[in-house]
């Protein structure tokens, strides 16, 4: 079971649908990790993808709406430009930059 204070943070910051998607993942380490960075980063909104077609469509539309991607003439295709040196993400070595002691 999720520790009470972790559960309180998640319930307060996620809407019911996203909270339920998250707690279906039975991993207390993940719950603590997310709660920690929700408090640190204080996002306006938190979305939990369950890999469904609806989740994928939501992510695609949000990327266009937020200007992260632009639609192409070919229906369903988009383009995403990063910085010149930002060619890919190495998931094993991606780090968060935080203040000392956090």
PDB file of N, CA and C in Angstrom:
ATOM      1  N   UNK A   1       0.846  -1.198   0.000  1.00  0.00           N
ATOM      2  CA  UNK A   1       0.000   0.000   0.000  1.00  0.00           C
ATOM      3  C   UNK A   1       0.878   1.244   0.000  1.00  0.00           C
ATOM      4  N   UNK A   2       0.422   2.273  -0.611  1.00  0.00           N
ATOM      5  CA  UNK A   2       1.166   3.526  -0.646  1.00  0.00           C
ATOM      6  C   UNK A   2       1.179   4.125   0.753  1.00  0.00           C
ATOM      7  N   UNK A   3       2.352   4.599   1.169  1.00  0.00           N
ATOM      8  CA  UNK A   3       2.447   5.260   2.466  1.00  0.00           C
ATOM      9  C   UNK A   3       1.464   6.424   2.489  1.00  0.00           C
ATOM     10  N   UNK A   4       0.869   6.663   3.647  1.00  0.00           N
ATOM     11  CA  UNK A   4      -0.210   7.651   3.750  1.00  0.00           C
ATOM     12  C   UNK A   4       0.172   9.033   3.234  1.00  0.00           C
ATOM     13  N   UNK A   5       1.363   9.538   3.609  1.00  0.00           N
ATOM     14  CA  UNK A   5       1.719  10.897   3.178  1.00  0.00           C
ATOM     15  C   UNK A   5       1.970  10.952   1.680  1.00  0.00           C
ATOM     16  N   UNK A   6       2.508   9.892   1.112  1.00  0.00           N
ATOM     17  CA  UNK A   6       2.703   9.824  -0.340  1.00  0.00           C
ATOM     18  C   UNK A   6       1.338   9.807  -1.016  1.00  0.00           C
ATOM     19  N   UNK A   7       0.450   8.992  -0.494  1.00  0.00           N
ATOM     20  CA  UNK A   7      -0.900   8.887  -1.047  1.00  0.00           C
ATOM     21  C   UNK A   7      -1.618  10.237  -0.981  1.00  0.00           C
ATOM     22  N   UNK A   8      -1.457  10.958   0.119  1.00  0.00           N
ATOM     23  CA  UNK A   8      -2.090  12.280   0.257  1.00  0.00           C
ATOM     24  C   UNK A   8      -1.584  13.253  -0.806  1.00  0.00           C
ATOM     25  N   UNK A   9      -0.271  13.249  -1.035  1.00  0.00           N
ATOM     26  CA  UNK A   9       0.307  14.135  -2.053  1.00  0.00           C
ATOM     27  C   UNK A   9      -0.270  13.801  -3.424  1.00  0.00           C
ATOM     28  N   UNK A  10      -0.297  12.518  -3.746  1.00  0.00           N
ATOM     29  CA  UNK A  10      -0.780  12.099  -5.066  1.00  0.00           C
ATOM     30  C   UNK A  10      -2.263  12.400  -5.241  1.00  0.00           C
ATOM     31  N   UNK A  11      -3.061  12.129  -4.211  1.00  0.00           N
ATOM     32  CA  UNK A  11      -4.503  12.412  -4.299  1.00  0.00           C
ATOM     33  C   UNK A  11      -4.771  13.908  -4.463  1.00  0.00           C
ATOM     34  N   UNK A  12      -3.961  14.718  -3.793  1.00  0.00           N
ATOM     35  CA  UNK A  12      -4.156  16.170  -3.854  1.00  0.00           C
ATOM     36  C   UNK A  12      -3.786  16.732  -5.226  1.00  0.00           C
ATOM     37  N   UNK A  13      -2.761  16.176  -5.861  1.00  0.00           N
ATOM     38  CA  UNK A  13      -2.214  16.774  -7.080  1.00  0.00           C
ATOM     39  C   UNK A  13      -2.704  16.148  -8.386  1.00  0.00           C
ATOM     40  N   UNK A  14      -3.176  14.903  -8.340  1.00  0.00           N
ATOM     41  CA  UNK A  14      -3.672  14.245  -9.549  1.00  0.00           C
ATOM     42  C   UNK A  14      -5.189  14.222  -9.529  1.00  0.00           C
ATOM     43  N   UNK A  15      -5.794  14.354 -10.708  1.00  0.00           N
ATOM     44  CA  UNK A  15      -7.243  14.169 -10.744  1.00  0.00           C
ATOM     45  C   UNK A  15      -7.539  12.677 -10.553  1.00  0.00           C
ATOM     46  N   UNK A  16      -8.796  12.343 -10.339  1.00  0.00           N
ATOM     47  CA  UNK A  16      -9.170  10.972  -9.984  1.00  0.00           C
ATOM     48  C   UNK A  16      -8.727   9.953 -11.035  1.00  0.00           C
ATOM     49  N   UNK A  17      -8.915  10.278 -12.306  1.00  0.00           N
ATOM     50  CA  UNK A  17      -8.562   9.349 -13.378  1.00  0.00           C
ATOM     51  C   UNK A  17      -7.062   9.064 -13.396  1.00  0.00           C
ATOM     52  N   UNK A  18      -6.243  10.101 -13.332  1.00  0.00           N
ATOM     53  CA  UNK A  18      -4.794   9.913 -13.365  1.00  0.00           C
ATOM     54  C   UNK A  18      -4.278   9.269 -12.086  1.00  0.00           C
ATOM     55  N   UNK A  19      -4.860   9.602 -10.947  1.00  0.00           N
ATOM     56  CA  UNK A  19      -4.500   8.942  -9.693  1.00  0.00           C
ATOM     57  C   UNK A  19      -4.766   7.441  -9.797  1.00  0.00           C
ATOM     58  N   UNK A  20      -5.930   7.071 -10.293  1.00  0.00           N
ATOM     59  CA  UNK A  20      -6.277   5.650 -10.408  1.00  0.00           C
ATOM     60  C   UNK A  20      -5.348   4.913 -11.364  1.00  0.00           C
ATOM     61  N   UNK A  21      -4.963   5.563 -12.467  1.00  0.00           N
ATOM     62  CA  UNK A  21      -4.018   4.929 -13.392  1.00  0.00           C
ATOM     63  C   UNK A  21      -2.673   4.702 -12.705  1.00  0.00           C
ATOM     64  N   UNK A  22      -2.241   5.674 -11.903  1.00  0.00           N
ATOM     65  CA  UNK A  22      -0.948   5.553 -11.237  1.00  0.00           C
ATOM     66  C   UNK A  22      -0.947   4.457 -10.178  1.00  0.00           C
ATOM     67  N   UNK A  23      -1.956   4.406  -9.336  1.00  0.00           N
ATOM     68  CA  UNK A  23      -1.931   3.427  -8.238  1.00  0.00           C
ATOM     69  C   UNK A  23      -2.175   1.998  -8.715  1.00  0.00           C
ATOM     70  N   UNK A  24      -2.648   1.841  -9.954  1.00  0.00           N
ATOM     71  CA  UNK A  24      -2.736   0.484 -10.512  1.00  0.00           C
ATOM     72  C   UNK A  24      -1.344  -0.109 -10.729  1.00  0.00           C
ATOM     73  N   UNK A  25      -0.357   0.768 -10.791  1.00  0.00           N
ATOM     74  CA  UNK A  25       1.031   0.313 -10.883  1.00  0.00           C
ATOM     75  C   UNK A  25       1.492   0.053  -9.452  1.00  0.00           C
ATOM     76  N   UNK A  26       1.657  -1.175  -9.104  1.00  0.00           N
ATOM     77  CA  UNK A  26       1.992  -1.558  -7.724  1.00  0.00           C
ATOM     78  C   UNK A  26       3.497  -1.441  -7.496  1.00  0.00           C
ATOM     79  N   UNK A  27       3.956  -0.187  -7.371  1.00  0.00           N
ATOM     80  CA  UNK A  27       5.374   0.069  -7.190  1.00  0.00           C
ATOM     81  C   UNK A  27       5.545   1.274  -6.265  1.00  0.00           C
ATOM     82  N   UNK A  28       5.698   1.031  -4.958  1.00  0.00           N
ATOM     83  CA  UNK A  28       5.831   2.133  -3.994  1.00  0.00           C
ATOM     84  C   UNK A  28       7.011   3.062  -4.298  1.00  0.00           C
ATOM     85  N   UNK A  29       8.107   2.515  -4.849  1.00  0.00           N
ATOM     86  CA  UNK A  29       9.246   3.360  -5.213  1.00  0.00           C
ATOM     87  C   UNK A  29       8.820   4.392  -6.261  1.00  0.00           C
ATOM     88  N   UNK A  30       8.080   3.948  -7.258  1.00  0.00           N
ATOM     89  CA  UNK A  30       7.589   4.855  -8.298  1.00  0.00           C
ATOM     90  C   UNK A  30       6.685   5.929  -7.694  1.00  0.00           C
ATOM     91  N   UNK A  31       5.788   5.534  -6.805  1.00  0.00           N
ATOM     92  CA  UNK A  31       4.868   6.487  -6.172  1.00  0.00           C
ATOM     93  C   UNK A  31       5.641   7.540  -5.375  1.00  0.00           C
ATOM     94  N   UNK A  32       6.657   7.095  -4.614  1.00  0.00           N
ATOM     95  CA  UNK A  32       7.488   8.042  -3.847  1.00  0.00           C
ATOM     96  C   UNK A  32       8.234   8.986  -4.788  1.00  0.00           C
ATOM     97  N   UNK A  33       8.791   8.423  -5.871  1.00  0.00           N
ATOM     98  CA  UNK A  33       9.535   9.210  -6.852  1.00  0.00           C
ATOM     99  C   UNK A  33       8.646  10.298  -7.448  1.00  0.00           C
ATOM    100  N   UNK A  34       7.462   9.928  -7.876  1.00  0.00           N
ATOM    101  CA  UNK A  34       6.546  10.894  -8.487  1.00  0.00           C
ATOM    102  C   UNK A  34       6.113  11.943  -7.472  1.00  0.00           C
ATOM    103  N   UNK A  35       5.770  11.519  -6.257  1.00  0.00           N
ATOM    104  CA  UNK A  35       5.357  12.472  -5.223  1.00  0.00           C
ATOM    105  C   UNK A  35       6.478  13.468  -4.922  1.00  0.00           C
ATOM    106  N   UNK A  36       7.708  12.981  -4.848  1.00  0.00           N
ATOM    107  CA  UNK A  36       8.853  13.857  -4.569  1.00  0.00           C
ATOM    108  C   UNK A  36       8.986  14.937  -5.644  1.00  0.00           C
ATOM    109  N   UNK A  37       8.915  14.524  -6.903  1.00  0.00           N
ATOM    110  CA  UNK A  37       9.134  15.492  -7.978  1.00  0.00           C
ATOM    111  C   UNK A  37       7.903  16.334  -8.275  1.00  0.00           C
ATOM    112  N   UNK A  38       6.741  15.867  -7.891  1.00  0.00           N
ATOM    113  CA  UNK A  38       5.543  16.713  -7.963  1.00  0.00           C
ATOM    114  C   UNK A  38       5.707  17.874  -6.986  1.00  0.00           C
ATOM    115  N   UNK A  39       6.202  17.569  -5.796  1.00  0.00           N
ATOM    116  CA  UNK A  39       6.426  18.636  -4.812  1.00  0.00           C
ATOM    117  C   UNK A  39       7.548  19.573  -5.258  1.00  0.00           C
ATOM    118  N   UNK A  40       8.600  19.015  -5.815  1.00  0.00           N
ATOM    119  CA  UNK A  40       9.745  19.821  -6.228  1.00  0.00           C
ATOM    120  C   UNK A  40       9.420  20.701  -7.432  1.00  0.00           C
ATOM    121  N   UNK A  41       8.787  20.128  -8.448  1.00  0.00           N
ATOM    122  CA  UNK A  41       8.551  20.844  -9.709  1.00  0.00           C
ATOM    123  C   UNK A  41       7.230  21.601  -9.744  1.00  0.00           C
ATOM    124  N   UNK A  42       6.288  21.215  -8.898  1.00  0.00           N
ATOM    125  CA  UNK A  42       4.994  21.883  -8.778  1.00  0.00           C
ATOM    126  C   UNK A  42       4.302  22.107 -10.134  1.00  0.00           C
ATOM    127  N   UNK A  43       4.074  21.027 -10.887  1.00  0.00           N
ATOM    128  CA  UNK A  43       3.433  21.194 -12.202  1.00  0.00           C
ATOM    129  C   UNK A  43       1.977  21.622 -12.072  1.00  0.00           C
ATOM    130  N   UNK A  44       1.493  22.310 -13.097  1.00  0.00           N
ATOM    131  CA  UNK A  44       0.087  22.715 -13.126  1.00  0.00           C
ATOM    132  C   UNK A  44      -0.830  21.517 -13.305  1.00  0.00           C
ATOM    133  N   UNK A  45      -0.356  20.522 -14.037  1.00  0.00           N
ATOM    134  CA  UNK A  45      -1.182  19.369 -14.366  1.00  0.00           C
ATOM    135  C   UNK A  45      -0.295  18.136 -14.477  1.00  0.00           C
ATOM    136  N   UNK A  46      -0.852  16.979 -14.126  1.00  0.00           N
ATOM    137  CA  UNK A  46      -0.113  15.721 -14.212  1.00  0.00           C
ATOM    138  C   UNK A  46      -0.940  14.735 -15.016  1.00  0.00           C
ATOM    139  N   UNK A  47      -0.321  14.175 -16.039  1.00  0.00           N
ATOM    140  CA  UNK A  47      -0.992  13.194 -16.884  1.00  0.00           C
ATOM    141  C   UNK A  47      -0.253  11.870 -16.778  1.00  0.00           C
ATOM    142  N   UNK A  48      -0.989  10.791 -16.555  1.00  0.00           N
ATOM    143  CA  UNK A  48      -0.421   9.449 -16.492  1.00  0.00           C
ATOM    144  C   UNK A  48      -0.901   8.694 -17.725  1.00  0.00           C
ATOM    145  N   UNK A  49       0.037   8.320 -18.584  1.00  0.00           N
ATOM    146  CA  UNK A  49      -0.319   7.573 -19.791  1.00  0.00           C
ATOM    147  C   UNK A  49      -0.440   6.098 -19.451  1.00  0.00           C
ATOM    148  N   UNK A  50      -1.515   5.487 -19.929  1.00  0.00           N
ATOM    149  CA  UNK A  50      -1.670   4.041 -19.747  1.00  0.00           C
ATOM    150  C   UNK A  50      -1.394   3.287 -21.045  1.00  0.00           C
ATOM    151  N   UNK A  51      -0.880   4.002 -22.042  1.00  0.00           N
ATOM    152  CA  UNK A  51      -0.543   3.374 -23.309  1.00  0.00           C
ATOM    153  C   UNK A  51      -1.727   3.134 -24.234  1.00  0.00           C
ATOM    154  N   UNK A  52      -2.916   3.541 -23.809  1.00  0.00           N
ATOM    155  CA  UNK A  52      -4.117   3.326 -24.621  1.00  0.00           C
ATOM    156  C   UNK A  52      -4.117   4.275 -25.820  1.00  0.00           C
ATOM    157  N   UNK A  53      -4.975   3.989 -26.789  1.00  0.00           N
ATOM    158  CA  UNK A  53      -5.111   4.875 -27.948  1.00  0.00           C
ATOM    159  C   UNK A  53      -5.518   6.279 -27.506  1.00  0.00           C
ATOM    160  N   UNK A  54      -6.397   6.360 -26.501  1.00  0.00           N
ATOM    161  CA  UNK A  54      -6.820   7.673 -25.993  1.00  0.00           C
ATOM    162  C   UNK A  54      -5.647   8.443 -25.390  1.00  0.00           C
ATOM    163  N   UNK A  55      -4.800   7.749 -24.622  1.00  0.00           N
ATOM    164  CA  UNK A  55      -3.634   8.407 -24.024  1.00  0.00           C
ATOM    165  C   UNK A  55      -2.675   8.899 -25.098  1.00  0.00           C
ATOM    166  N   UNK A  56      -2.424   8.070 -26.082  1.00  0.00           N
ATOM    167  CA  UNK A  56      -1.507   8.444 -27.159  1.00  0.00           C
ATOM    168  C   UNK A  56      -2.052   9.643 -27.932  1.00  0.00           C
ATOM    169  N   UNK A  57      -3.344   9.639 -28.198  1.00  0.00           N
ATOM    170  CA  UNK A  57      -3.968  10.760 -28.911  1.00  0.00           C
ATOM    171  C   UNK A  57      -3.888  12.043 -28.077  1.00  0.00           C
ATOM    172  N   UNK A  58      -4.118  11.929 -26.769  1.00  0.00           N
ATOM    173  CA  UNK A  58      -4.014  13.088 -25.878  1.00  0.00           C
ATOM    174  C   UNK A  58      -2.603  13.679 -25.942  1.00  0.00           C
ATOM    175  N   UNK A  59      -1.596  12.817 -25.882  1.00  0.00           N
ATOM    176  CA  UNK A  59      -0.202  13.276 -25.910  1.00  0.00           C
ATOM    177  C   UNK A  59       0.108  13.963 -27.236  1.00  0.00           C
ATOM    178  N   UNK A  60      -0.343  13.375 -28.331  1.00  0.00           N
ATOM    179  CA  UNK A  60      -0.105  13.975 -29.654  1.00  0.00           C
ATOM    180  C   UNK A  60      -0.746  15.359 -29.762  1.00  0.00           C
ATOM    181  N   UNK A  61      -1.993  15.464 -29.319  1.00  0.00           N
ATOM    182  CA  UNK A  61      -2.687  16.755 -29.389  1.00  0.00           C
ATOM    183  C   UNK A  61      -2.041  17.785 -28.464  1.00  0.00           C
ATOM    184  N   UNK A  62      -1.625  17.352 -27.279  1.00  0.00           N
ATOM    185  CA  UNK A  62      -0.989  18.269 -26.330  1.00  0.00           C
ATOM    186  C   UNK A  62       0.339  18.783 -26.881  1.00  0.00           C
ATOM    187  N   UNK A  63       1.102  17.925 -27.554  1.00  0.00           N
ATOM    188  CA  UNK A  63       2.384  18.344 -28.126  1.00  0.00           C
ATOM    189  C   UNK A  63       2.184  19.423 -29.185  1.00  0.00           C
ATOM    190  N   UNK A  64       1.136  19.289 -29.983  1.00  0.00           N
ATOM    191  CA  UNK A  64       0.839  20.309 -31.001  1.00  0.00           C
ATOM    192  C   UNK A  64       0.330  21.584 -30.334  1.00  0.00           C
ATOM    193  N   UNK A  65      -0.600  21.438 -29.403  1.00  0.00           N
ATOM    194  CA  UNK A  65      -1.170  22.600 -28.710  1.00  0.00           C
ATOM    195  C   UNK A  65      -0.091  23.413 -27.991  1.00  0.00           C
ATOM    196  N   UNK A  66       0.879  22.711 -27.380  1.00  0.00           N
ATOM    197  CA  UNK A  66       1.935  23.379 -26.622  1.00  0.00           C
ATOM    198  C   UNK A  66       3.092  23.851 -27.495  1.00  0.00           C
ATOM    199  N   UNK A  67       3.002  23.626 -28.808  1.00  0.00           N
ATOM    200  CA  UNK A  67       4.044  24.085 -29.717  1.00  0.00           C
ATOM    201  C   UNK A  67       5.286  23.218 -29.738  1.00  0.00           C
ATOM    202  N   UNK A  68       5.231  22.038 -29.121  1.00  0.00           N
ATOM    203  CA  UNK A  68       6.378  21.137 -29.124  1.00  0.00           C
ATOM    204  C   UNK A  68       6.518  20.433 -30.472  1.00  0.00           C
ATOM    205  N   UNK A  69       5.406  20.276 -31.176  1.00  0.00           N
ATOM    206  CA  UNK A  69       5.401  19.666 -32.500  1.00  0.00           C
ATOM    207  C   UNK A  69       4.515  20.490 -33.417  1.00  0.00           C
ATOM    208  N   UNK A  70       4.745  20.313 -34.710  1.00  0.00           N
ATOM    209  CA  UNK A  70       3.928  20.997 -35.716  1.00  0.00           C
ATOM    210  C   UNK A  70       3.404  19.947 -36.690  1.00  0.00           C
ATOM    211  N   UNK A  71       2.126  20.065 -37.079  1.00  0.00           N
ATOM    212  CA  UNK A  71       1.576  19.091 -38.024  1.00  0.00           C
ATOM    213  C   UNK A  71       2.193  19.258 -39.413  1.00  0.00           C
ATOM    214  N   UNK A  72       2.349  18.137 -40.104  1.00  0.00           N
ATOM    215  CA  UNK A  72       2.820  18.139 -41.486  1.00  0.00           C
ATOM    216  C   UNK A  72       1.629  18.011 -42.424  1.00  0.00           C
ATOM    217  N   UNK A  73       1.889  18.152 -43.712  1.00  0.00           N
ATOM    218  CA  UNK A  73       0.820  18.022 -44.709  1.00  0.00           C
ATOM    219  C   UNK A  73       0.268  16.597 -44.751  1.00  0.00           C
ATOM    220  N   UNK A  74       1.078  15.627 -44.366  1.00  0.00           N
ATOM    221  CA  UNK A  74       0.637  14.228 -44.337  1.00  0.00           C
ATOM    222  C   UNK A  74      -0.158  14.018 -43.056  1.00  0.00           C
ATOM    223  N   UNK A  75      -1.419  13.665 -43.197  1.00  0.00           N
ATOM    224  CA  UNK A  75      -2.316  13.526 -42.043  1.00  0.00           C
ATOM    225  C   UNK A  75      -1.732  12.562 -40.995  1.00  0.00           C
ATOM    226  N   UNK A  76      -1.758  13.008 -39.748  1.00  0.00           N
ATOM    227  CA  UNK A  76      -1.284  12.180 -38.644  1.00  0.00           C
ATOM    228  C   UNK A  76       0.212  12.254 -38.400  1.00  0.00           C
ATOM    229  N   UNK A  77       0.933  13.047 -39.186  1.00  0.00           N
ATOM    230  CA  UNK A  77       2.378  13.177 -39.024  1.00  0.00           C
ATOM    231  C   UNK A  77       2.713  14.566 -38.499  1.00  0.00           C
ATOM    232  N   UNK A  78       3.739  14.597 -37.658  1.00  0.00           N
ATOM    233  CA  UNK A  78       4.196  15.869 -37.097  1.00  0.00           C
ATOM    234  C   UNK A  78       5.712  15.934 -37.188  1.00  0.00           C
ATOM    235  N   UNK A  79       6.239  17.114 -36.951  1.00  0.00           N
ATOM    236  CA  UNK A  79       7.682  17.306 -36.885  1.00  0.00           C
ATOM    237  C   UNK A  79       8.002  17.922 -35.526  1.00  0.00           C
ATOM    238  N   UNK A  80       9.123  17.495 -34.959  1.00  0.00           N
ATOM    239  CA  UNK A  80       9.570  17.982 -33.658  1.00  0.00           C
ATOM    240  C   UNK A  80      11.033  18.381 -33.800  1.00  0.00           C
ATOM    241  N   UNK A  81      11.344  19.641 -33.518  1.00  0.00           N
ATOM    242  CA  UNK A  81      12.724  20.107 -33.589  1.00  0.00           C
ATOM    243  C   UNK A  81      13.252  20.350 -32.192  1.00  0.00           C
ATOM    244  N   UNK A  82      14.434  19.818 -31.923  1.00  0.00           N
ATOM    245  CA  UNK A  82      15.143  20.071 -30.674  1.00  0.00           C
ATOM    246  C   UNK A  82      16.348  20.950 -30.984  1.00  0.00           C
ATOM    247  N   UNK A  83      17.094  21.235 -29.954  1.00  0.00           N
ATOM    248  CA  UNK A  83      18.332  21.968 -30.158  1.00  0.00           C
ATOM    249  C   UNK A  83      19.299  21.172 -31.030  1.00  0.00           C
ATOM    250  N   UNK A  84      20.239  21.858 -31.628  1.00  0.00           N
ATOM    251  CA  UNK A  84      21.193  21.241 -32.546  1.00  0.00           C
ATOM    252  C   UNK A  84      21.910  20.051 -31.918  1.00  0.00           C
ATOM    253  N   UNK A  85      22.332  20.163 -30.663  1.00  0.00           N
ATOM    254  CA  UNK A  85      23.077  19.088 -30.011  1.00  0.00           C
ATOM    255  C   UNK A  85      22.177  18.110 -29.262  1.00  0.00           C
ATOM    256  N   UNK A  86      20.907  18.352 -29.238  1.00  0.00           N
ATOM    257  CA  UNK A  86      19.960  17.490 -28.521  1.00  0.00           C
ATOM    258  C   UNK A  86      19.399  16.459 -29.503  1.00  0.00           C
ATOM    259  N   UNK A  87      20.186  15.432 -29.780  1.00  0.00           N
ATOM    260  CA  UNK A  87      19.826  14.459 -30.806  1.00  0.00           C
ATOM    261  C   UNK A  87      18.964  13.316 -30.284  1.00  0.00           C
ATOM    262  N   UNK A  88      19.117  12.953 -29.024  1.00  0.00           N
ATOM    263  CA  UNK A  88      18.352  11.829 -28.476  1.00  0.00           C
ATOM    264  C   UNK A  88      18.463  11.852 -26.962  1.00  0.00           C
ATOM    265  N   UNK A  89      17.597  11.112 -26.328  1.00  0.00           N
ATOM    266  CA  UNK A  89      17.656  10.994 -24.873  1.00  0.00           C
ATOM    267  C   UNK A  89      18.207   9.621 -24.516  1.00  0.00           C
ATOM    268  N   UNK A  90      19.191   9.622 -23.648  1.00  0.00           N
ATOM    269  CA  UNK A  90      19.737   8.388 -23.101  1.00  0.00           C
ATOM    270  C   UNK A  90      19.021   8.152 -21.780  1.00  0.00           C
ATOM    271  N   UNK A  91      17.992   7.331 -21.811  1.00  0.00           N
ATOM    272  CA  UNK A  91      17.143   7.153 -20.628  1.00  0.00           C
ATOM    273  C   UNK A  91      17.910   6.647 -19.417  1.00  0.00           C
ATOM    274  N   UNK A  92      18.970   5.912 -19.638  1.00  0.00           N
ATOM    275  CA  UNK A  92      19.758   5.391 -18.512  1.00  0.00           C
ATOM    276  C   UNK A  92      20.579   6.486 -17.832  1.00  0.00           C
ATOM    277  N   UNK A  93      20.811   7.580 -18.528  1.00  0.00           N
ATOM    278  CA  UNK A  93      21.668   8.625 -17.977  1.00  0.00           C
ATOM    279  C   UNK A  93      21.001   9.998 -17.924  1.00  0.00           C
ATOM    280  N   UNK A  94      19.685  10.055 -18.052  1.00  0.00           N
ATOM    281  CA  UNK A  94      18.965  11.316 -17.936  1.00  0.00           C
ATOM    282  C   UNK A  94      18.954  11.736 -16.469  1.00  0.00           C
ATOM    283  N   UNK A  95      19.274  12.966 -16.198  1.00  0.00           N
ATOM    284  CA  UNK A  95      19.372  13.468 -14.822  1.00  0.00           C
ATOM    285  C   UNK A  95      18.442  14.653 -14.624  1.00  0.00           C
ATOM    286  N   UNK A  96      18.090  14.893 -13.373  1.00  0.00           N
ATOM    287  CA  UNK A  96      17.356  16.088 -12.980  1.00  0.00           C
ATOM    288  C   UNK A  96      18.356  17.050 -12.368  1.00  0.00           C
ATOM    289  N   UNK A  97      18.296  18.312 -12.737  1.00  0.00           N
ATOM    290  CA  UNK A  97      19.145  19.317 -12.117  1.00  0.00           C
ATOM    291  C   UNK A  97      18.361  19.961 -10.989  1.00  0.00           C
ATOM    292  N   UNK A  98      18.852  19.784  -9.776  1.00  0.00           N
ATOM    293  CA  UNK A  98      18.175  20.322  -8.597  1.00  0.00           C
ATOM    294  C   UNK A  98      19.195  20.998  -7.692  1.00  0.00           C
ATOM    295  N   UNK A  99      18.702  21.792  -6.768  1.00  0.00           N
ATOM    296  CA  UNK A  99      19.571  22.446  -5.798  1.00  0.00           C
ATOM    297  C   UNK A  99      20.243  21.415  -4.905  1.00  0.00           C
ATOM    298  N   UNK A 100      21.406  21.749  -4.397  1.00  0.00           N
ATOM    299  CA  UNK A 100      22.143  20.870  -3.500  1.00  0.00           C
ATOM    300  C   UNK A 100      21.281  20.530  -2.283  1.00  0.00           C
ATOM    301  N   UNK A 101      21.273  19.266  -1.895  1.00  0.00           N
ATOM    302  CA  UNK A 101      20.522  18.831  -0.727  1.00  0.00           C
ATOM    303  C   UNK A 101      19.099  18.398  -1.011  1.00  0.00           C
ATOM    304  N   UNK A 102      18.669  18.518  -2.262  1.00  0.00           N
ATOM    305  CA  UNK A 102      17.288  18.119  -2.600  1.00  0.00           C
ATOM    306  C   UNK A 102      17.265  16.641  -2.891  1.00  0.00           C
TER     307      UNK A 102
END
